[in-house]
PDB file of N, CA and C in Angstrom:
ATOM      1  N   MET A   1     139.574  76.723-119.185  1.00  0.00           N
ATOM      2  CA  MET A   1     139.145  77.666-119.799  1.00  0.00           C
ATOM      3  C   MET A   1     137.666  77.551-120.559  1.00  0.00           C
ATOM      4  N   SER A   2     137.579  76.414-121.240  1.00  0.00           N
ATOM      5  CA  SER A   2     136.378  75.932-121.916  1.00  0.00           C
ATOM      6  C   SER A   2     135.272  75.880-121.076  1.00  0.00           C
ATOM      7  N   GLU A   3     135.747  75.103-119.957  1.00  0.00           N
ATOM      8  CA  GLU A   3     134.479  74.969-118.878  1.00  0.00           C
ATOM      9  C   GLU A   3     133.843  76.464-118.366  1.00  0.00           C
ATOM     10  N   LEU A   4     134.898  77.271-118.078  1.00  0.00           N
ATOM     11  CA  LEU A   4     134.373  78.489-117.571  1.00  0.00           C
ATOM     12  C   LEU A   4     133.521  79.125-118.710  1.00  0.00           C
ATOM     13  N   ARG A   5     133.823  79.221-119.783  1.00  0.00           N
ATOM     14  CA  ARG A   5     132.975  79.716-120.983  1.00  0.00           C
ATOM     15  C   ARG A   5     131.681  79.079-121.288  1.00  0.00           C
ATOM     16  N   ALA A   6     131.725  77.674-121.067  1.00  0.00           N
ATOM     17  CA  ALA A   6     130.298  76.956-121.203  1.00  0.00           C
ATOM     18  C   ALA A   6     129.635  77.178-120.028  1.00  0.00           C
ATOM     19  N   ASN A   7     130.100  77.436-118.841  1.00  0.00           N
ATOM     20  CA  ASN A   7     129.304  77.908-117.679  1.00  0.00           C
ATOM     21  C   ASN A   7     128.606  79.167-117.874  1.00  0.00           C
ATOM     22  N   ARG A   8     129.400  80.229-118.347  1.00  0.00           N
ATOM     23  CA  ARG A   8     128.922  81.505-118.870  1.00  0.00           C
ATOM     24  C   ARG A   8     127.851  81.601-119.670  1.00  0.00           C
ATOM     25  N   VAL A   9     127.758  80.488-120.788  1.00  0.00           N
ATOM     26  CA  VAL A   9     127.132  80.367-121.712  1.00  0.00           C
ATOM     27  C   VAL A   9     125.691  79.769-121.309  1.00  0.00           C
ATOM     28  N   ALA A  10     125.967  78.757-120.391  1.00  0.00           N
ATOM     29  CA  ALA A  10     124.802  78.247-119.738  1.00  0.00           C
ATOM     30  C   ALA A  10     123.994  79.178-118.859  1.00  0.00           C
ATOM     31  N   GLU A  11     124.550  79.922-118.172  1.00  0.00           N
ATOM     32  CA  GLU A  11     123.762  80.947-117.438  1.00  0.00           C
ATOM     33  C   GLU A  11     123.059  81.899-118.283  1.00  0.00           C
ATOM     34  N   GLN A  12     123.679  82.304-119.461  1.00  0.00           N
ATOM     35  CA  GLN A  12     122.952  83.137-120.286  1.00  0.00           C
ATOM     36  C   GLN A  12     121.898  82.548-120.952  1.00  0.00           C
ATOM     37  N   MET A  13     121.977  81.462-121.459  1.00  0.00           N
ATOM     38  CA  MET A  13     121.040  80.600-122.060  1.00  0.00           C
ATOM     39  C   MET A  13     119.829  80.407-121.142  1.00  0.00           C
ATOM     40  N   LYS A  14     120.078  80.245-119.798  1.00  0.00           N
ATOM     41  CA  LYS A  14     118.979  79.858-118.798  1.00  0.00           C
ATOM     42  C   LYS A  14     118.034  81.301-118.537  1.00  0.00           C
ATOM     43  N   LYS A  15     118.925  82.559-118.455  1.00  0.00           N
ATOM     44  CA  LYS A  15     118.386  83.765-118.749  1.00  0.00           C
ATOM     45  C   LYS A  15     117.344  83.844-119.668  1.00  0.00           C
ATOM     46  N   GLU A  16     118.042  83.611-120.930  1.00  0.00           N
ATOM     47  CA  GLU A  16     117.042  84.015-122.090  1.00  0.00           C
ATOM     48  C   GLU A  16     116.021  82.995-122.396  1.00  0.00           C
ATOM     49  N   LEU A  17     116.222  81.691-121.930  1.00  0.00           N
ATOM     50  CA  LEU A  17     115.154  80.607-122.025  1.00  0.00           C
ATOM     51  C   LEU A  17     113.995  81.150-121.197  1.00  0.00           C
ATOM     52  N   GLY A  18     114.331  81.770-120.083  1.00  0.00           N
ATOM     53  CA  GLY A  18     113.251  82.049-119.214  1.00  0.00           C
ATOM     54  C   GLY A  18     112.127  83.083-119.971  1.00  0.00           C
ATOM     55  N   ASP A  19     112.941  84.001-120.670  1.00  0.00           N
ATOM     56  CA  ASP A  19     112.162  85.051-121.294  1.00  0.00           C
ATOM     57  C   ASP A  19     111.349  84.468-122.550  1.00  0.00           C
ATOM     58  N   ILE A  20     112.274  83.523-123.265  1.00  0.00           N
ATOM     59  CA  ILE A  20     111.468  82.974-124.680  1.00  0.00           C
ATOM     60  C   ILE A  20     110.250  82.249-124.133  1.00  0.00           C
ATOM     61  N   LEU A  21     110.369  81.334-123.072  1.00  0.00           N
ATOM     62  CA  LEU A  21     109.184  80.368-122.567  1.00  0.00           C
ATOM     63  C   LEU A  21     108.165  81.104-122.247  1.00  0.00           C
ATOM     64  N   THR A  22     108.254  82.269-121.490  1.00  0.00           N
ATOM     65  CA  THR A  22     107.150  83.040-121.213  1.00  0.00           C
ATOM     66  C   THR A  22     106.510  84.216-122.068  1.00  0.00           C
ATOM     67  N   MET A  23     107.467  84.758-122.820  1.00  0.00           N
ATOM     68  CA  MET A  23     106.965  85.853-123.780  1.00  0.00           C
ATOM     69  C   MET A  23     106.792  85.305-125.300  1.00  0.00           C
ATOM     70  N   LYS A  24     107.341  84.505-125.686  1.00  0.00           N
ATOM     71  CA  LYS A  24     107.551  84.059-127.195  1.00  0.00           C
ATOM     72  C   LYS A  24     106.649  83.057-127.558  1.00  0.00           C
ATOM     73  N   LEU A  25     106.474  81.770-126.827  1.00  0.00           N
ATOM     74  CA  LEU A  25     105.881  80.783-127.204  1.00  0.00           C
ATOM     75  C   LEU A  25     104.435  80.641-126.868  1.00  0.00           C
ATOM     76  N   LYS A  26     103.737  80.429-127.923  1.00  0.00           N
ATOM     77  CA  LYS A  26     102.078  80.352-127.763  1.00  0.00           C
ATOM     78  C   LYS A  26     101.343  79.078-127.842  1.00  0.00           C
ATOM     79  N   ASP A  27     102.225  78.058-127.592  1.00  0.00           N
ATOM     80  CA  ASP A  27     101.791  76.830-127.765  1.00  0.00           C
ATOM     81  C   ASP A  27     100.855  76.368-126.478  1.00  0.00           C
ATOM     82  N   PRO A  28      99.677  75.990-126.840  1.00  0.00           N
ATOM     83  CA  PRO A  28      98.624  75.804-125.560  1.00  0.00           C
ATOM     84  C   PRO A  28      99.097  74.805-124.835  1.00  0.00           C
ATOM     85  N   ARG A  29      99.977  73.729-125.348  1.00  0.00           N
ATOM     86  CA  ARG A  29     100.279  72.497-124.637  1.00  0.00           C
ATOM     87  C   ARG A  29     101.482  72.840-123.592  1.00  0.00           C
ATOM     88  N   ILE A  30     102.116  73.964-123.638  1.00  0.00           N
ATOM     89  CA  ILE A  30     103.138  74.285-122.978  1.00  0.00           C
ATOM     90  C   ILE A  30     102.514  75.035-121.761  1.00  0.00           C
ATOM     91  N   GLY A  31     102.726  74.184-120.561  1.00  0.00           N
ATOM     92  CA  GLY A  31     102.200  74.880-119.327  1.00  0.00           C
ATOM     93  C   GLY A  31     103.113  75.813-118.500  1.00  0.00           C
ATOM     94  N   PHE A  32     102.955  75.685-117.059  1.00  0.00           N
ATOM     95  CA  PHE A  32     103.823  76.611-116.537  1.00  0.00           C
ATOM     96  C   PHE A  32     105.004  75.895-116.240  1.00  0.00           C
ATOM     97  N   VAL A  33     105.998  76.507-116.860  1.00  0.00           N
ATOM     98  CA  VAL A  33     107.567  75.754-116.950  1.00  0.00           C
ATOM     99  C   VAL A  33     108.598  76.633-116.272  1.00  0.00           C
ATOM    100  N   THR A  34     109.442  76.202-115.440  1.00  0.00           N
ATOM    101  CA  THR A  34     110.563  76.873-114.742  1.00  0.00           C
ATOM    102  C   THR A  34     111.781  76.089-115.373  1.00  0.00           C
ATOM    103  N   VAL A  35     112.680  76.799-115.744  1.00  0.00           N
ATOM    104  CA  VAL A  35     113.881  76.260-116.201  1.00  0.00           C
ATOM    105  C   VAL A  35     114.700  76.287-115.059  1.00  0.00           C
ATOM    106  N   THR A  36     115.105  75.181-114.699  1.00  0.00           N
ATOM    107  CA  THR A  36     115.942  74.925-113.147  1.00  0.00           C
ATOM    108  C   THR A  36     117.335  75.048-113.579  1.00  0.00           C
ATOM    109  N   ASP A  37     117.848  74.450-114.775  1.00  0.00           N
ATOM    110  CA  ASP A  37     119.290  74.617-114.853  1.00  0.00           C
ATOM    111  C   ASP A  37     119.744  74.037-116.244  1.00  0.00           C
ATOM    112  N   VAL A  38     120.866  74.503-116.874  1.00  0.00           N
ATOM    113  CA  VAL A  38     121.210  74.527-118.198  1.00  0.00           C
ATOM    114  C   VAL A  38     122.514  73.865-118.231  1.00  0.00           C
ATOM    115  N   GLU A  39     122.776  72.797-118.900  1.00  0.00           N
ATOM    116  CA  GLU A  39     124.084  72.193-118.831  1.00  0.00           C
ATOM    117  C   GLU A  39     124.554  72.301-120.445  1.00  0.00           C
ATOM    118  N   VAL A  40     125.943  72.775-120.524  1.00  0.00           N
ATOM    119  CA  VAL A  40     126.389  73.015-121.848  1.00  0.00           C
ATOM    120  C   VAL A  40     127.618  72.244-121.873  1.00  0.00           C
ATOM    121  N   THR A  41     127.883  71.416-122.951  1.00  0.00           N
ATOM    122  CA  THR A  41     129.143  70.708-123.107  1.00  0.00           C
ATOM    123  C   THR A  41     130.227  71.597-123.404  1.00  0.00           C
ATOM    124  N   GLY A  42     131.500  71.219-123.261  1.00  0.00           N
ATOM    125  CA  GLY A  42     132.715  71.839-123.170  1.00  0.00           C
ATOM    126  C   GLY A  42     132.859  72.486-124.646  1.00  0.00           C
ATOM    127  N   ASP A  43     132.177  71.787-125.541  1.00  0.00           N
ATOM    128  CA  ASP A  43     132.575  72.284-126.880  1.00  0.00           C
ATOM    129  C   ASP A  43     131.401  73.018-127.486  1.00  0.00           C
ATOM    130  N   LEU A  44     130.440  73.270-126.607  1.00  0.00           N
ATOM    131  CA  LEU A  44     129.325  74.185-126.847  1.00  0.00           C
ATOM    132  C   LEU A  44     128.457  73.701-128.054  1.00  0.00           C
ATOM    133  N   GLN A  45     128.122  72.156-128.180  1.00  0.00           N
ATOM    134  CA  GLN A  45     127.496  71.637-129.448  1.00  0.00           C
ATOM    135  C   GLN A  45     126.070  71.317-128.706  1.00  0.00           C
ATOM    136  N   GLN A  46     126.136  70.892-127.313  1.00  0.00           N
ATOM    137  CA  GLN A  46     124.730  70.428-127.100  1.00  0.00           C
ATOM    138  C   GLN A  46     124.564  71.317-125.672  1.00  0.00           C
ATOM    139  N   ALA A  47     123.078  71.448-125.520  1.00  0.00           N
ATOM    140  CA  ALA A  47     122.847  71.841-124.173  1.00  0.00           C
ATOM    141  C   ALA A  47     121.640  71.088-123.872  1.00  0.00           C
ATOM    142  N   THR A  48     121.807  70.655-122.465  1.00  0.00           N
ATOM    143  CA  THR A  48     120.572  69.960-121.684  1.00  0.00           C
ATOM    144  C   THR A  48     119.922  71.054-120.968  1.00  0.00           C
ATOM    145  N   ILE A  49     118.506  71.059-120.941  1.00  0.00           N
ATOM    146  CA  ILE A  49     117.881  72.210-120.332  1.00  0.00           C
ATOM    147  C   ILE A  49     116.837  71.416-119.374  1.00  0.00           C
ATOM    148  N   TYR A  50     117.053  71.566-118.121  1.00  0.00           N
ATOM    149  CA  TYR A  50     116.338  70.785-117.272  1.00  0.00           C
ATOM    150  C   TYR A  50     115.239  71.788-116.813  1.00  0.00           C
ATOM    151  N   ILE A  51     113.924  71.171-116.848  1.00  0.00           N
ATOM    152  CA  ILE A  51     112.767  72.015-116.839  1.00  0.00           C
ATOM    153  C   ILE A  51     111.929  71.286-115.375  1.00  0.00           C
ATOM    154  N   SER A  52     111.232  72.268-114.964  1.00  0.00           N
ATOM    155  CA  SER A  52     110.146  71.699-113.798  1.00  0.00           C
ATOM    156  C   SER A  52     109.020  72.359-114.229  1.00  0.00           C
ATOM    157  N   VAL A  53     107.827  71.486-114.340  1.00  0.00           N
ATOM    158  CA  VAL A  53     106.550  71.995-114.614  1.00  0.00           C
ATOM    159  C   VAL A  53     105.458  71.500-113.487  1.00  0.00           C
ATOM    160  N   LEU A  54     104.614  72.533-113.501  1.00  0.00           N
ATOM    161  CA  LEU A  54     103.442  72.151-112.341  1.00  0.00           C
ATOM    162  C   LEU A  54     102.504  71.665-113.132  1.00  0.00           C
ATOM    163  N   GLY A  55     101.744  70.647-112.570  1.00  0.00           N
ATOM    164  CA  GLY A  55     100.576  70.164-113.125  1.00  0.00           C
ATOM    165  C   GLY A  55     100.551  68.604-112.903  1.00  0.00           C
ATOM    166  N   SER A  56      99.696  67.985-113.665  1.00  0.00           N
ATOM    167  CA  SER A  56      99.471  66.376-113.658  1.00  0.00           C
ATOM    168  C   SER A  56     100.710  65.911-114.564  1.00  0.00           C
ATOM    169  N   GLU A  57     100.840  64.673-114.534  1.00  0.00           N
ATOM    170  CA  GLU A  57     101.660  64.081-115.354  1.00  0.00           C
ATOM    171  C   GLU A  57     101.296  63.994-116.972  1.00  0.00           C
ATOM    172  N   LYS A  58      99.904  64.155-117.090  1.00  0.00           N
ATOM    173  CA  LYS A  58      99.790  64.362-118.719  1.00  0.00           C
ATOM    174  C   LYS A  58     100.114  65.750-118.992  1.00  0.00           C
ATOM    175  N   GLU A  59      99.993  66.749-118.064  1.00  0.00           N
ATOM    176  CA  GLU A  59     100.281  68.065-118.374  1.00  0.00           C
ATOM    177  C   GLU A  59     101.665  68.262-118.585  1.00  0.00           C
ATOM    178  N   LYS A  60     102.595  67.518-117.832  1.00  0.00           N
ATOM    179  CA  LYS A  60     104.024  67.627-118.009  1.00  0.00           C
ATOM    180  C   LYS A  60     104.239  66.885-119.309  1.00  0.00           C
ATOM    181  N   GLN A  61     103.930  65.640-119.588  1.00  0.00           N
ATOM    182  CA  GLN A  61     104.310  65.215-121.138  1.00  0.00           C
ATOM    183  C   GLN A  61     103.894  66.095-122.012  1.00  0.00           C
ATOM    184  N   ASP A  62     102.806  66.560-122.084  1.00  0.00           N
ATOM    185  CA  ASP A  62     102.144  67.582-123.133  1.00  0.00           C
ATOM    186  C   ASP A  62     103.151  68.784-123.161  1.00  0.00           C
ATOM    187  N   THR A  63     103.640  69.340-122.013  1.00  0.00           N
ATOM    188  CA  THR A  63     104.578  70.648-122.141  1.00  0.00           C
ATOM    189  C   THR A  63     106.039  70.114-122.741  1.00  0.00           C
ATOM    190  N   LEU A  64     106.522  68.806-122.362  1.00  0.00           N
ATOM    191  CA  LEU A  64     107.646  68.358-122.984  1.00  0.00           C
ATOM    192  C   LEU A  64     107.318  68.209-124.389  1.00  0.00           C
ATOM    193  N   LEU A  65     106.357  67.492-124.808  1.00  0.00           N
ATOM    194  CA  LEU A  65     106.045  67.393-126.290  1.00  0.00           C
ATOM    195  C   LEU A  65     106.189  68.763-126.987  1.00  0.00           C
ATOM    196  N   GLY A  66     105.286  69.904-126.352  1.00  0.00           N
ATOM    197  CA  GLY A  66     105.374  71.183-126.993  1.00  0.00           C
ATOM    198  C   GLY A  66     106.587  71.800-127.118  1.00  0.00           C
ATOM    199  N   LEU A  67     107.677  71.421-125.928  1.00  0.00           N
ATOM    200  CA  LEU A  67     108.669  72.222-126.090  1.00  0.00           C
ATOM    201  C   LEU A  67     109.794  71.431-127.159  1.00  0.00           C
ATOM    202  N   THR A  68     109.635  70.105-127.222  1.00  0.00           N
ATOM    203  CA  THR A  68     110.459  69.418-128.197  1.00  0.00           C
ATOM    204  C   THR A  68     110.007  70.053-129.481  1.00  0.00           C
ATOM    205  N   LYS A  69     108.721  70.064-129.922  1.00  0.00           N
ATOM    206  CA  LYS A  69     108.234  70.635-131.136  1.00  0.00           C
ATOM    207  C   LYS A  69     108.849  72.149-131.458  1.00  0.00           C
ATOM    208  N   ALA A  70     108.788  72.676-130.422  1.00  0.00           N
ATOM    209  CA  ALA A  70     109.210  74.105-130.589  1.00  0.00           C
ATOM    210  C   ALA A  70     110.739  74.351-130.481  1.00  0.00           C
ATOM    211  N   LYS A  71     111.581  73.128-130.528  1.00  0.00           N
ATOM    212  CA  LYS A  71     113.044  73.214-130.270  1.00  0.00           C
ATOM    213  C   LYS A  71     113.627  74.146-131.385  1.00  0.00           C
ATOM    214  N   GLY A  72     113.261  73.945-132.753  1.00  0.00           N
ATOM    215  CA  GLY A  72     113.958  74.949-133.689  1.00  0.00           C
ATOM    216  C   GLY A  72     113.903  76.243-133.583  1.00  0.00           C
ATOM    217  N   PHE A  73     112.439  76.729-133.232  1.00  0.00           N
ATOM    218  CA  PHE A  73     112.211  78.242-132.661  1.00  0.00           C
ATOM    219  C   PHE A  73     113.201  78.738-131.531  1.00  0.00           C
ATOM    220  N   ILE A  74     113.154  77.776-130.546  1.00  0.00           N
ATOM    221  CA  ILE A  74     113.809  78.356-129.273  1.00  0.00           C
ATOM    222  C   ILE A  74     115.148  78.509-129.829  1.00  0.00           C
ATOM    223  N   ARG A  75     115.664  77.634-130.429  1.00  0.00           N
ATOM    224  CA  ARG A  75     117.238  77.536-130.698  1.00  0.00           C
ATOM    225  C   ARG A  75     117.513  78.817-131.666  1.00  0.00           C
ATOM    226  N   SER A  76     116.457  79.137-132.535  1.00  0.00           N
ATOM    227  CA  SER A  76     116.859  80.428-133.442  1.00  0.00           C
ATOM    228  C   SER A  76     116.819  81.601-132.419  1.00  0.00           C
ATOM    229  N   GLU A  77     115.836  81.736-131.510  1.00  0.00           N
ATOM    230  CA  GLU A  77     115.537  82.738-130.709  1.00  0.00           C
ATOM    231  C   GLU A  77     116.871  82.959-129.877  1.00  0.00           C
ATOM    232  N   ILE A  78     117.517  81.776-129.390  1.00  0.00           N
ATOM    233  CA  ILE A  78     118.822  81.970-128.386  1.00  0.00           C
ATOM    234  C   ILE A  78     119.807  82.235-129.424  1.00  0.00           C
ATOM    235  N   GLY A  79     119.795  81.808-130.661  1.00  0.00           N
ATOM    236  CA  GLY A  79     120.918  82.023-131.558  1.00  0.00           C
ATOM    237  C   GLY A  79     121.022  83.807-131.848  1.00  0.00           C
ATOM    238  N   LYS A  80     119.681  84.315-131.955  1.00  0.00           N
ATOM    239  CA  LYS A  80     119.698  85.777-132.096  1.00  0.00           C
ATOM    240  C   LYS A  80     120.111  86.425-130.924  1.00  0.00           C
ATOM    241  N   ARG A  81     119.724  86.085-129.773  1.00  0.00           N
ATOM    242  CA  ARG A  81     120.207  86.780-128.683  1.00  0.00           C
ATOM    243  C   ARG A  81     121.585  86.518-128.065  1.00  0.00           C
ATOM    244  N   ILE A  82     122.010  85.320-128.285  1.00  0.00           N
ATOM    245  CA  ILE A  82     123.572  85.219-127.715  1.00  0.00           C
ATOM    246  C   ILE A  82     124.270  85.064-128.962  1.00  0.00           C
ATOM    247  N   ARG A  83     125.305  85.656-128.902  1.00  0.00           N
ATOM    248  CA  ARG A  83     126.375  85.686-130.223  1.00  0.00           C
ATOM    249  C   ARG A  83     127.239  84.485-130.009  1.00  0.00           C
ATOM    250  N   LEU A  84     127.051  83.634-130.704  1.00  0.00           N
ATOM    251  CA  LEU A  84     127.927  82.276-130.743  1.00  0.00           C
ATOM    252  C   LEU A  84     128.108  82.018-132.051  1.00  0.00           C
ATOM    253  N   ARG A  85     129.158  81.204-132.502  1.00  0.00           N
ATOM    254  CA  ARG A  85     129.425  80.833-134.127  1.00  0.00           C
ATOM    255  C   ARG A  85     128.315  79.818-134.367  1.00  0.00           C
ATOM    256  N   LYS A  86     127.933  78.755-133.463  1.00  0.00           N
ATOM    257  CA  LYS A  86     127.027  77.890-133.629  1.00  0.00           C
ATOM    258  C   LYS A  86     126.192  77.778-132.447  1.00  0.00           C
ATOM    259  N   THR A  87     124.763  77.748-132.677  1.00  0.00           N
ATOM    260  CA  THR A  87     124.119  77.562-131.357  1.00  0.00           C
ATOM    261  C   THR A  87     124.081  76.133-130.975  1.00  0.00           C
ATOM    262  N   PRO A  88     123.915  75.746-129.594  1.00  0.00           N
ATOM    263  CA  PRO A  88     124.025  74.440-129.330  1.00  0.00           C
ATOM    264  C   PRO A  88     122.709  73.596-129.496  1.00  0.00           C
ATOM    265  N   GLU A  89     122.464  72.508-129.881  1.00  0.00           N
ATOM    266  CA  GLU A  89     121.476  71.583-129.924  1.00  0.00           C
ATOM    267  C   GLU A  89     120.855  71.321-128.721  1.00  0.00           C
ATOM    268  N   LEU A  90     119.594  71.517-128.760  1.00  0.00           N
ATOM    269  CA  LEU A  90     118.927  71.549-127.407  1.00  0.00           C
ATOM    270  C   LEU A  90     118.324  70.170-126.970  1.00  0.00           C
ATOM    271  N   LEU A  91     118.233  69.863-125.701  1.00  0.00           N
ATOM    272  CA  LEU A  91     117.720  68.512-125.439  1.00  0.00           C
ATOM    273  C   LEU A  91     116.995  68.896-124.062  1.00  0.00           C
ATOM    274  N   PHE A  92     115.665  68.742-124.056  1.00  0.00           N
ATOM    275  CA  PHE A  92     114.885  69.081-122.640  1.00  0.00           C
ATOM    276  C   PHE A  92     114.579  67.879-121.962  1.00  0.00           C
ATOM    277  N   GLU A  93     114.863  68.058-120.550  1.00  0.00           N
ATOM    278  CA  GLU A  93     114.464  66.906-119.590  1.00  0.00           C
ATOM    279  C   GLU A  93     113.937  67.500-118.227  1.00  0.00           C
ATOM    280  N   PHE A  94     113.347  66.662-117.670  1.00  0.00           N
ATOM    281  CA  PHE A  94     112.578  66.971-116.475  1.00  0.00           C
ATOM    282  C   PHE A  94     113.638  66.834-115.221  1.00  0.00           C
ATOM    283  N   ASP A  95     113.536  67.885-114.525  1.00  0.00           N
ATOM    284  CA  ASP A  95     114.542  67.982-113.315  1.00  0.00           C
ATOM    285  C   ASP A  95     113.793  67.363-112.243  1.00  0.00           C
ATOM    286  N   GLU A  96     114.234  66.165-111.692  1.00  0.00           N
ATOM    287  CA  GLU A  96     113.786  65.308-110.845  1.00  0.00           C
ATOM    288  C   GLU A  96     114.176  65.888-109.388  1.00  0.00           C
ATOM    289  N   ALA A  97     115.018  66.539-109.125  1.00  0.00           N
ATOM    290  CA  ALA A  97     115.496  66.896-107.964  1.00  0.00           C
ATOM    291  C   ALA A  97     114.552  67.608-107.209  1.00  0.00           C
ATOM    292  N   TYR A  98     113.543  68.307-107.361  1.00  0.00           N
ATOM    293  CA  TYR A  98     112.694  68.801-106.524  1.00  0.00           C
ATOM    294  C   TYR A  98     111.655  67.876-106.116  1.00  0.00           C
ATOM    295  N   GLU A  99     111.202  67.030-107.053  1.00  0.00           N
ATOM    296  CA  GLU A  99     110.360  65.962-106.589  1.00  0.00           C
ATOM    297  C   GLU A  99     111.015  65.020-105.506  1.00  0.00           C
ATOM    298  N   TYR A 100     112.256  64.693-105.673  1.00  0.00           N
ATOM    299  CA  TYR A 100     112.973  63.950-104.846  1.00  0.00           C
ATOM    300  C   TYR A 100     113.230  64.367-103.535  1.00  0.00           C
ATOM    301  N   GLY A 101     113.386  65.683-103.373  1.00  0.00           N
ATOM    302  CA  GLY A 101     113.685  66.574-102.416  1.00  0.00           C
ATOM    303  C   GLY A 101     112.170  66.551-101.588  1.00  0.00           C
ATOM    304  N   ASN A 102     111.042  66.898-102.181  1.00  0.00           N
ATOM    305  CA  ASN A 102     109.740  66.807-101.539  1.00  0.00           C
ATOM    306  C   ASN A 102     109.596  65.309-101.036  1.00  0.00           C
ATOM    307  N   ARG A 103     109.787  64.405-101.650  1.00  0.00           N
ATOM    308  CA  ARG A 103     109.616  62.862-101.059  1.00  0.00           C
ATOM    309  C   ARG A 103     110.330  62.744-100.022  1.00  0.00           C
ATOM    310  N   ILE A 104     111.541  63.167 -99.952  1.00  0.00           N
ATOM    311  CA  ILE A 104     112.381  62.977 -98.693  1.00  0.00           C
ATOM    312  C   ILE A 104     111.936  63.702 -97.591  1.00  0.00           C
ATOM    313  N   GLU A 105     111.493  64.832 -97.723  1.00  0.00           N
ATOM    314  CA  GLU A 105     110.838  65.907 -96.832  1.00  0.00           C
ATOM    315  C   GLU A 105     109.507  65.131 -96.219  1.00  0.00           C
ATOM    316  N   THR A 106     108.710  64.764 -96.983  1.00  0.00           N
ATOM    317  CA  THR A 106     107.526  64.102 -96.641  1.00  0.00           C
ATOM    318  C   THR A 106     107.838  62.764 -95.959  1.00  0.00           C
ATOM    319  N   ILE A 107     108.891  61.928 -96.098  1.00  0.00           N
ATOM    320  CA  ILE A 107     109.099  60.750 -95.277  1.00  0.00           C
ATOM    321  C   ILE A 107     109.541  61.204 -93.872  1.00  0.00           C
ATOM    322  N   LEU A 108     110.572  62.255 -93.929  1.00  0.00           N
ATOM    323  CA  LEU A 108     111.120  62.810 -92.799  1.00  0.00           C
ATOM    324  C   LEU A 108     109.949  63.278 -91.788  1.00  0.00           C
ATOM    325  N   ARG A 109     109.050  63.924 -92.313  1.00  0.00           N
ATOM    326  CA  ARG A 109     107.825  64.556 -91.600  1.00  0.00           C
ATOM    327  C   ARG A 109     107.043  63.451 -90.941  1.00  0.00           C
ATOM    328  N   ASP A 110     106.886  62.292 -91.872  1.00  0.00           N
ATOM    329  CA  ASP A 110     106.066  60.942 -91.194  1.00  0.00           C
ATOM    330  C   ASP A 110     106.763  60.498 -90.065  1.00  0.00           C
ATOM    331  N   LEU A 111     108.193  60.435 -90.270  1.00  0.00           N
ATOM    332  CA  LEU A 111     109.005  59.747 -89.247  1.00  0.00           C
ATOM    333  C   LEU A 111     108.984  60.422 -87.831  1.00  0.00           C
ATOM    334  N   ASN A 112     108.735  61.830 -87.931  1.00  0.00           N
ATOM    335  CA  ASN A 112     108.677  62.632 -86.781  1.00  0.00           C
ATOM    336  C   ASN A 112     107.368  62.576 -86.119  1.00  0.00           C
ATOM    337  N   LYS A 113     106.312  62.025 -86.871  1.00  0.00           N
ATOM    338  CA  LYS A 113     105.100  61.947 -86.225  1.00  0.00           C
ATOM    339  C   LYS A 113     104.799  60.796 -85.229  1.00  0.00           C
TER     340      LYS A 113
END
């Protein structure tokens, strides 16, 4: 039962984060960010937010730094939008799945040549 609720909270957080990151944050360090996934623990205490950022490695690191600095603001905005007793602690991580998939696709393309 708690896993189902955690999944529902994660999906709602993903939807709200997309809106918060595009509309509310004004930090110039934060580039073009896409929230690819959100994983919430069963007790709803922590949420890992997987992001994908377009740009160079420096732009990616700057974006991660900006999001980490804005963590408190983002958490309070989520708390206002989603009715929970306690808003989960946020942890931002890069989603490496897309880069990994692109690398495999490039290797397969090179093998076919």
